[in-house]
Each structure stands twice: as structure tokens, then as C-alpha cells.
N, C-alpha and C. Protein backbone atom coordinates (compact mmCIF):
# COMPACT_ATOMS: atom_id res chain seq x y z
N MET A 1 0.85 -1.19 0.00
CA MET A 1 0.00 0.00 0.00
C MET A 1 0.89 1.25 0.00
N ASP A 2 0.50 2.22 -0.81
CA ASP A 2 1.22 3.49 -0.87
C ASP A 2 0.64 4.41 0.20
N LEU A 3 1.23 4.36 1.39
CA LEU A 3 0.73 5.12 2.53
C LEU A 3 0.83 6.63 2.29
N HIS A 4 1.94 7.07 1.71
CA HIS A 4 2.11 8.50 1.41
C HIS A 4 1.03 8.97 0.45
N GLY A 5 0.76 8.20 -0.59
CA GLY A 5 -0.28 8.55 -1.55
C GLY A 5 -1.66 8.61 -0.92
N LEU A 6 -1.93 7.68 0.00
CA LEU A 6 -3.21 7.65 0.70
C LEU A 6 -3.38 8.90 1.56
N VAL A 7 -2.34 9.24 2.32
CA VAL A 7 -2.38 10.43 3.18
C VAL A 7 -2.55 11.69 2.32
N GLU A 8 -1.80 11.77 1.22
CA GLU A 8 -1.90 12.94 0.35
C GLU A 8 -3.30 13.08 -0.25
N GLN A 9 -3.90 11.97 -0.62
CA GLN A 9 -5.26 11.99 -1.19
C GLN A 9 -6.27 12.50 -0.16
N VAL A 10 -6.18 12.04 1.07
CA VAL A 10 -7.11 12.47 2.12
C VAL A 10 -6.91 13.95 2.44
N VAL A 11 -5.66 14.36 2.62
CA VAL A 11 -5.35 15.74 2.99
C VAL A 11 -5.80 16.70 1.88
N SER A 12 -5.46 16.39 0.63
CA SER A 12 -5.86 17.28 -0.47
C SER A 12 -7.36 17.25 -0.68
N GLY A 13 -7.99 16.13 -0.41
CA GLY A 13 -9.45 16.03 -0.50
C GLY A 13 -10.16 16.94 0.49
N LEU A 14 -9.51 17.24 1.59
CA LEU A 14 -10.07 18.15 2.59
C LEU A 14 -9.69 19.61 2.31
N GLY A 15 -8.94 19.84 1.23
CA GLY A 15 -8.60 21.20 0.84
C GLY A 15 -7.28 21.72 1.38
N PHE A 16 -6.45 20.83 1.92
CA PHE A 16 -5.17 21.23 2.49
C PHE A 16 -4.03 20.73 1.61
N GLU A 17 -2.86 21.28 1.84
CA GLU A 17 -1.65 20.84 1.16
C GLU A 17 -0.86 19.95 2.10
N LEU A 18 -0.42 18.80 1.62
CA LEU A 18 0.46 17.95 2.42
C LEU A 18 1.88 18.46 2.24
N VAL A 19 2.43 19.01 3.31
CA VAL A 19 3.78 19.58 3.28
C VAL A 19 4.81 18.48 3.49
N ASP A 20 4.56 17.61 4.46
CA ASP A 20 5.51 16.55 4.78
C ASP A 20 4.78 15.41 5.47
N PHE A 21 5.34 14.23 5.34
CA PHE A 21 4.78 13.03 5.98
C PHE A 21 5.94 12.18 6.45
N GLU A 22 5.98 11.90 7.75
CA GLU A 22 7.06 11.11 8.33
C GLU A 22 6.47 9.91 9.05
N THR A 23 7.18 8.80 8.99
CA THR A 23 6.80 7.63 9.77
C THR A 23 8.01 7.16 10.55
N SER A 24 7.74 6.60 11.70
CA SER A 24 8.79 6.02 12.52
C SER A 24 8.41 4.57 12.77
N PRO A 25 9.05 3.64 12.07
CA PRO A 25 8.65 2.24 12.19
C PRO A 25 8.80 1.67 13.60
N ARG A 26 9.83 2.13 14.31
CA ARG A 26 10.08 1.59 15.64
C ARG A 26 8.95 1.94 16.61
N THR A 27 8.52 3.19 16.58
CA THR A 27 7.47 3.62 17.52
C THR A 27 6.09 3.62 16.87
N ARG A 28 6.03 3.29 15.58
CA ARG A 28 4.77 3.24 14.82
C ARG A 28 4.04 4.58 14.93
N LEU A 29 4.80 5.64 14.75
CA LEU A 29 4.30 7.00 14.81
C LEU A 29 4.19 7.55 13.39
N MET A 30 3.11 8.28 13.14
CA MET A 30 2.93 8.97 11.86
C MET A 30 2.79 10.46 12.13
N ARG A 31 3.59 11.26 11.42
CA ARG A 31 3.49 12.72 11.54
C ARG A 31 3.07 13.28 10.19
N VAL A 32 2.04 14.09 10.22
CA VAL A 32 1.51 14.70 9.00
C VAL A 32 1.56 16.21 9.18
N PHE A 33 2.20 16.90 8.25
CA PHE A 33 2.29 18.36 8.29
C PHE A 33 1.46 18.92 7.15
N ILE A 34 0.49 19.76 7.51
CA ILE A 34 -0.44 20.31 6.52
C ILE A 34 -0.34 21.83 6.47
N ASP A 35 -0.79 22.40 5.36
CA ASP A 35 -0.79 23.85 5.24
C ASP A 35 -1.93 24.28 4.33
N ILE A 36 -2.29 25.54 4.43
CA ILE A 36 -3.29 26.18 3.58
C ILE A 36 -2.94 27.67 3.58
N GLU A 37 -3.31 28.35 2.54
CA GLU A 37 -2.92 29.76 2.36
C GLU A 37 -3.24 30.62 3.58
N ARG A 38 -4.39 30.44 4.20
CA ARG A 38 -4.82 31.28 5.33
C ARG A 38 -4.12 30.92 6.64
N GLY A 39 -3.41 29.81 6.66
CA GLY A 39 -2.76 29.34 7.89
C GLY A 39 -3.56 28.21 8.53
N ILE A 40 -2.92 27.44 9.35
CA ILE A 40 -3.53 26.26 9.97
C ILE A 40 -4.01 26.58 11.37
N THR A 41 -5.21 26.07 11.70
CA THR A 41 -5.76 26.21 13.04
C THR A 41 -5.79 24.84 13.72
N VAL A 42 -6.05 24.85 15.00
CA VAL A 42 -6.18 23.59 15.74
C VAL A 42 -7.35 22.77 15.18
N ASP A 43 -8.43 23.46 14.81
CA ASP A 43 -9.59 22.76 14.24
C ASP A 43 -9.24 22.07 12.92
N ASP A 44 -8.37 22.70 12.12
CA ASP A 44 -7.92 22.08 10.87
C ASP A 44 -7.18 20.78 11.16
N CYS A 45 -6.29 20.82 12.14
CA CYS A 45 -5.51 19.63 12.51
C CYS A 45 -6.44 18.52 13.01
N ALA A 46 -7.43 18.89 13.81
CA ALA A 46 -8.39 17.91 14.34
C ALA A 46 -9.19 17.29 13.21
N ALA A 47 -9.63 18.10 12.25
CA ALA A 47 -10.43 17.59 11.13
C ALA A 47 -9.63 16.59 10.30
N VAL A 48 -8.38 16.94 10.00
CA VAL A 48 -7.54 16.04 9.21
C VAL A 48 -7.24 14.77 10.01
N SER A 49 -6.95 14.92 11.29
CA SER A 49 -6.68 13.76 12.14
C SER A 49 -7.87 12.81 12.19
N ASN A 50 -9.05 13.36 12.38
CA ASN A 50 -10.26 12.52 12.44
C ASN A 50 -10.49 11.79 11.12
N GLN A 51 -10.31 12.49 10.00
CA GLN A 51 -10.53 11.86 8.69
C GLN A 51 -9.48 10.78 8.43
N LEU A 52 -8.23 11.06 8.75
CA LEU A 52 -7.17 10.06 8.55
C LEU A 52 -7.42 8.83 9.43
N THR A 53 -7.86 9.05 10.67
CA THR A 53 -8.16 7.93 11.56
C THR A 53 -9.22 7.02 10.96
N ARG A 54 -10.27 7.61 10.40
CA ARG A 54 -11.33 6.81 9.76
C ARG A 54 -10.80 6.04 8.55
N VAL A 55 -10.03 6.72 7.72
CA VAL A 55 -9.49 6.08 6.52
C VAL A 55 -8.52 4.96 6.90
N PHE A 56 -7.67 5.19 7.88
CA PHE A 56 -6.73 4.15 8.32
C PHE A 56 -7.46 2.93 8.86
N GLU A 57 -8.58 3.15 9.53
CA GLU A 57 -9.37 2.03 10.04
C GLU A 57 -9.93 1.21 8.89
N VAL A 58 -10.47 1.87 7.89
CA VAL A 58 -11.04 1.18 6.74
C VAL A 58 -9.95 0.45 5.94
N GLU A 59 -8.79 1.08 5.80
CA GLU A 59 -7.69 0.51 5.01
C GLU A 59 -6.80 -0.43 5.82
N ASN A 60 -7.11 -0.65 7.09
CA ASN A 60 -6.33 -1.52 7.98
C ASN A 60 -4.87 -1.09 8.10
N VAL A 61 -4.66 0.20 8.26
CA VAL A 61 -3.30 0.73 8.47
C VAL A 61 -2.99 0.60 9.96
N ASP A 62 -1.87 -0.08 10.25
CA ASP A 62 -1.49 -0.35 11.62
C ASP A 62 -0.53 0.74 12.12
N TYR A 63 -0.93 1.45 13.16
CA TYR A 63 -0.10 2.50 13.74
C TYR A 63 -0.49 2.67 15.21
N ASP A 64 0.37 3.31 15.98
CA ASP A 64 0.08 3.56 17.39
C ASP A 64 -0.35 5.01 17.63
N ARG A 65 0.32 5.95 16.92
CA ARG A 65 0.05 7.35 17.20
C ARG A 65 0.09 8.16 15.90
N LEU A 66 -0.84 9.11 15.81
CA LEU A 66 -0.92 10.00 14.66
C LEU A 66 -0.82 11.43 15.15
N GLU A 67 0.08 12.21 14.54
CA GLU A 67 0.22 13.62 14.88
C GLU A 67 -0.02 14.43 13.61
N VAL A 68 -0.90 15.42 13.70
CA VAL A 68 -1.17 16.32 12.58
C VAL A 68 -0.88 17.73 13.05
N SER A 69 -0.06 18.47 12.30
CA SER A 69 0.26 19.84 12.70
C SER A 69 0.62 20.69 11.50
N SER A 70 0.80 21.98 11.77
CA SER A 70 1.26 22.90 10.73
C SER A 70 2.77 22.69 10.56
N PRO A 71 3.33 23.14 9.45
CA PRO A 71 4.77 22.97 9.26
C PRO A 71 5.60 23.95 10.07
N GLY A 72 4.97 24.96 10.67
CA GLY A 72 5.69 25.93 11.49
C GLY A 72 6.25 27.06 10.65
N LEU A 73 6.85 28.03 11.33
CA LEU A 73 7.42 29.19 10.65
C LEU A 73 8.64 28.82 9.81
N ASP A 74 9.35 27.78 10.22
CA ASP A 74 10.53 27.33 9.47
C ASP A 74 10.14 26.15 8.57
N ARG A 75 9.08 26.36 7.83
CA ARG A 75 8.48 25.35 6.95
C ARG A 75 9.52 24.72 6.03
N PRO A 76 9.50 23.40 5.89
CA PRO A 76 10.39 22.75 4.93
C PRO A 76 9.93 23.01 3.50
N LEU A 77 10.88 23.09 2.61
CA LEU A 77 10.60 23.24 1.18
C LEU A 77 11.05 21.95 0.51
N LYS A 78 10.12 21.28 -0.16
CA LYS A 78 10.44 19.97 -0.72
C LYS A 78 10.21 19.90 -2.22
N LYS A 79 9.10 20.45 -2.69
CA LYS A 79 8.72 20.32 -4.09
C LYS A 79 9.13 21.57 -4.87
N ALA A 80 9.20 21.41 -6.18
CA ALA A 80 9.51 22.55 -7.05
C ALA A 80 8.53 23.69 -6.80
N ALA A 81 7.26 23.36 -6.61
CA ALA A 81 6.23 24.38 -6.37
C ALA A 81 6.53 25.19 -5.10
N ASP A 82 7.12 24.54 -4.09
CA ASP A 82 7.48 25.25 -2.86
C ASP A 82 8.53 26.33 -3.14
N PHE A 83 9.50 26.00 -3.99
CA PHE A 83 10.58 26.95 -4.29
C PHE A 83 10.07 28.10 -5.16
N GLU A 84 9.03 27.85 -5.94
CA GLU A 84 8.41 28.93 -6.72
C GLU A 84 7.55 29.81 -5.81
N ARG A 85 6.75 29.17 -4.95
CA ARG A 85 5.80 29.89 -4.09
C ARG A 85 6.49 30.83 -3.12
N PHE A 86 7.62 30.42 -2.57
CA PHE A 86 8.28 31.20 -1.52
C PHE A 86 9.44 32.04 -2.04
N ALA A 87 9.45 32.34 -3.34
CA ALA A 87 10.47 33.22 -3.90
C ALA A 87 10.43 34.55 -3.16
N GLY A 88 11.61 35.08 -2.85
CA GLY A 88 11.71 36.33 -2.11
C GLY A 88 11.91 36.14 -0.62
N GLU A 89 11.76 34.91 -0.15
CA GLU A 89 11.93 34.60 1.28
C GLU A 89 13.36 34.14 1.55
N MET A 90 13.80 34.32 2.78
CA MET A 90 15.11 33.86 3.23
C MET A 90 15.01 32.35 3.52
N ILE A 91 15.96 31.57 3.03
CA ILE A 91 15.95 30.13 3.28
C ILE A 91 17.34 29.64 3.68
N GLN A 92 17.36 28.45 4.29
CA GLN A 92 18.59 27.70 4.53
C GLN A 92 18.45 26.41 3.74
N LEU A 93 19.54 25.98 3.13
CA LEU A 93 19.50 24.82 2.25
C LEU A 93 20.74 23.98 2.49
N ARG A 94 20.57 22.67 2.46
CA ARG A 94 21.70 21.74 2.61
C ARG A 94 21.67 20.78 1.43
N THR A 95 22.83 20.54 0.83
CA THR A 95 22.92 19.62 -0.31
C THR A 95 23.41 18.24 0.15
N HIS A 96 23.14 17.25 -0.69
CA HIS A 96 23.59 15.89 -0.40
C HIS A 96 25.12 15.79 -0.40
N LEU A 97 25.72 16.43 -1.40
CA LEU A 97 27.17 16.38 -1.56
C LEU A 97 27.74 17.80 -1.59
N PRO A 98 29.00 17.96 -1.23
CA PRO A 98 29.61 19.30 -1.29
C PRO A 98 29.58 19.85 -2.72
N MET A 99 29.42 21.17 -2.80
CA MET A 99 29.39 21.84 -4.11
C MET A 99 30.47 22.90 -4.16
N ASN A 100 30.79 23.35 -5.34
CA ASN A 100 31.75 24.40 -5.68
C ASN A 100 33.13 24.16 -5.07
N GLU A 101 34.03 25.11 -5.27
CA GLU A 101 35.42 24.95 -4.84
C GLU A 101 35.58 24.82 -3.33
N GLY A 102 34.68 25.41 -2.58
CA GLY A 102 34.82 25.41 -1.13
C GLY A 102 34.28 24.17 -0.45
N ASN A 103 33.85 23.18 -1.23
CA ASN A 103 33.25 21.97 -0.66
C ASN A 103 32.12 22.30 0.31
N GLN A 104 31.30 23.23 -0.06
CA GLN A 104 30.23 23.73 0.79
C GLN A 104 28.96 22.89 0.61
N ARG A 105 28.29 22.59 1.72
CA ARG A 105 27.02 21.87 1.70
C ARG A 105 25.87 22.71 2.23
N ASN A 106 26.17 23.70 3.07
CA ASN A 106 25.13 24.54 3.68
C ASN A 106 25.13 25.91 3.03
N PHE A 107 23.93 26.33 2.65
CA PHE A 107 23.77 27.61 1.97
C PHE A 107 22.62 28.37 2.62
N SER A 108 22.70 29.68 2.62
CA SER A 108 21.57 30.50 3.04
C SER A 108 21.55 31.75 2.19
N GLY A 109 20.35 32.25 2.00
CA GLY A 109 20.19 33.44 1.19
C GLY A 109 18.73 33.65 0.84
N VAL A 110 18.50 34.58 -0.06
CA VAL A 110 17.13 34.87 -0.49
C VAL A 110 16.81 33.97 -1.69
N LEU A 111 15.71 33.26 -1.58
CA LEU A 111 15.26 32.38 -2.65
C LEU A 111 14.75 33.23 -3.81
N LYS A 112 15.36 33.06 -4.96
CA LYS A 112 14.93 33.83 -6.14
C LYS A 112 13.89 33.07 -6.94
N GLY A 113 13.83 31.74 -6.75
CA GLY A 113 12.83 30.95 -7.46
C GLY A 113 13.38 29.61 -7.90
N PHE A 114 12.67 29.03 -8.88
CA PHE A 114 13.01 27.71 -9.39
C PHE A 114 13.00 27.79 -10.91
N VAL A 115 14.15 27.57 -11.53
CA VAL A 115 14.28 27.71 -12.98
C VAL A 115 15.00 26.50 -13.56
N ASP A 116 14.40 25.88 -14.55
CA ASP A 116 15.00 24.75 -15.27
C ASP A 116 15.50 23.65 -14.34
N GLY A 117 14.69 23.29 -13.34
CA GLY A 117 15.06 22.21 -12.43
C GLY A 117 16.07 22.59 -11.37
N LYS A 118 16.33 23.89 -11.24
CA LYS A 118 17.34 24.34 -10.27
C LYS A 118 16.76 25.38 -9.33
N VAL A 119 17.17 25.29 -8.07
CA VAL A 119 16.82 26.29 -7.06
C VAL A 119 17.81 27.44 -7.21
N VAL A 120 17.30 28.65 -7.36
CA VAL A 120 18.16 29.82 -7.52
C VAL A 120 18.16 30.59 -6.20
N LEU A 121 19.35 30.74 -5.63
CA LEU A 121 19.53 31.35 -4.33
C LEU A 121 20.45 32.56 -4.46
N SER A 122 20.01 33.71 -3.95
CA SER A 122 20.80 34.93 -3.99
C SER A 122 21.58 35.07 -2.69
N GLN A 123 22.90 35.10 -2.81
CA GLN A 123 23.77 35.27 -1.66
C GLN A 123 24.53 36.58 -1.81
N SER A 124 25.22 36.99 -0.77
CA SER A 124 25.94 38.27 -0.80
C SER A 124 26.99 38.32 -1.91
N ASP A 125 27.56 37.17 -2.26
CA ASP A 125 28.59 37.14 -3.31
C ASP A 125 28.04 36.72 -4.67
N GLY A 126 26.72 36.78 -4.84
CA GLY A 126 26.11 36.46 -6.14
C GLY A 126 25.09 35.34 -6.04
N ASP A 127 24.50 35.01 -7.18
CA ASP A 127 23.49 33.96 -7.23
C ASP A 127 24.14 32.60 -7.42
N ILE A 128 23.49 31.59 -6.86
CA ILE A 128 23.94 30.21 -7.04
C ILE A 128 22.73 29.38 -7.46
N GLU A 129 22.96 28.45 -8.39
CA GLU A 129 21.91 27.54 -8.85
C GLU A 129 22.24 26.15 -8.36
N ILE A 130 21.26 25.53 -7.70
CA ILE A 130 21.46 24.20 -7.14
C ILE A 130 20.38 23.28 -7.71
N PRO A 131 20.77 22.20 -8.40
CA PRO A 131 19.78 21.27 -8.94
C PRO A 131 18.91 20.69 -7.81
N LEU A 132 17.60 20.59 -8.06
CA LEU A 132 16.66 20.12 -7.04
C LEU A 132 17.05 18.75 -6.50
N GLU A 133 17.55 17.87 -7.36
CA GLU A 133 17.91 16.52 -6.90
C GLU A 133 19.10 16.53 -5.95
N GLU A 134 19.86 17.63 -5.92
CA GLU A 134 21.00 17.76 -5.01
C GLU A 134 20.60 18.31 -3.63
N VAL A 135 19.37 18.80 -3.49
CA VAL A 135 18.92 19.40 -2.24
C VAL A 135 18.54 18.30 -1.25
N GLU A 136 19.26 18.25 -0.14
CA GLU A 136 18.94 17.28 0.92
C GLU A 136 17.75 17.78 1.73
N LYS A 137 17.84 19.05 2.16
CA LYS A 137 16.72 19.67 2.85
C LYS A 137 16.84 21.19 2.76
N ALA A 138 15.68 21.82 2.80
CA ALA A 138 15.63 23.28 2.73
C ALA A 138 14.49 23.74 3.62
N ARG A 139 14.69 24.87 4.28
CA ARG A 139 13.68 25.44 5.18
C ARG A 139 13.63 26.95 5.05
N LEU A 140 12.45 27.49 5.32
CA LEU A 140 12.32 28.94 5.41
C LEU A 140 13.01 29.41 6.68
N VAL A 141 13.55 30.59 6.66
CA VAL A 141 14.14 31.21 7.85
C VAL A 141 13.15 32.29 8.29
N PRO A 142 12.51 32.13 9.45
CA PRO A 142 11.53 33.13 9.90
C PRO A 142 12.18 34.50 10.11
N GLN A 143 11.49 35.53 9.67
CA GLN A 143 11.96 36.90 9.86
C GLN A 143 11.07 37.59 10.88
N PHE A 144 11.66 38.06 11.96
CA PHE A 144 10.88 38.71 13.02
C PHE A 144 11.10 40.19 13.02
């Protein structure tokens, strides 16, 4: 069974975006991170949790604990659409392997967007393009 696909179908069916989905086999924990343009409320999390619980019961999904929450202010960026949507925001990014002459893996700067399969990041010393498949993880940096 494609558990990620099932969760994504339920979440999107309720009008939310599935930001991330994590499972922990040892503790049989499922974490679901949802978002919507207006922001997430406790009632939104409860609604998604209740619907997922019903679907898991019908589909015989075995788990001990389900957590549904917003992605937070330091939201992870995973899909190409995320890098397009949050253009102009400050981000931190880590690559799978070192890049450029400095063997650098950690980058931060203003996200300029997503062009031709590459994340474009503006840094103080110029722009850098990082292929999406090289991105290990990326997050928004909250500005206060």
C-alpha cells in the first residue's frame, strides 16, 4: 500500500496541502504536516486527524500514534512548487554532496525561485543555482 499517496489523497481532498509526511517504524508514529494559504488552526488539525483515523481504520493501516500539525514558521521546502511559491523569502539549504570549490554543503540566502530544475539562491557574493535533486533539505528562515 502506498501510505504516502493515501495520506496525500485524504489531505488534499479536505482542501489542504500535504507539506511533509514522516513515519517512525520503531514507535509506529505517523506525523503529518499540513498547510493552507490562510494558515492552519487547531480545528484544521483535528479535522484532518479525524478523517485520517477513519481512513486508516477502513484501510487496515497499523499504527500507534498519529500527529497532525502545521509545518511551522521554518516550513520545509520539498517540491519545485514550494521553491516557486516562496520566492523572495530567506531560506537555509543543505545539499547531499559538497558543491563548488569550497566543498560547501550549507547555503543560506534569499530564494529567487526555481528555474530549469534548479533552485536559484541569492547570496551576498552572487546567485547560485542548485539542482533540485542535489537538495537534501531546505527550510524557510523566519523573519521577526
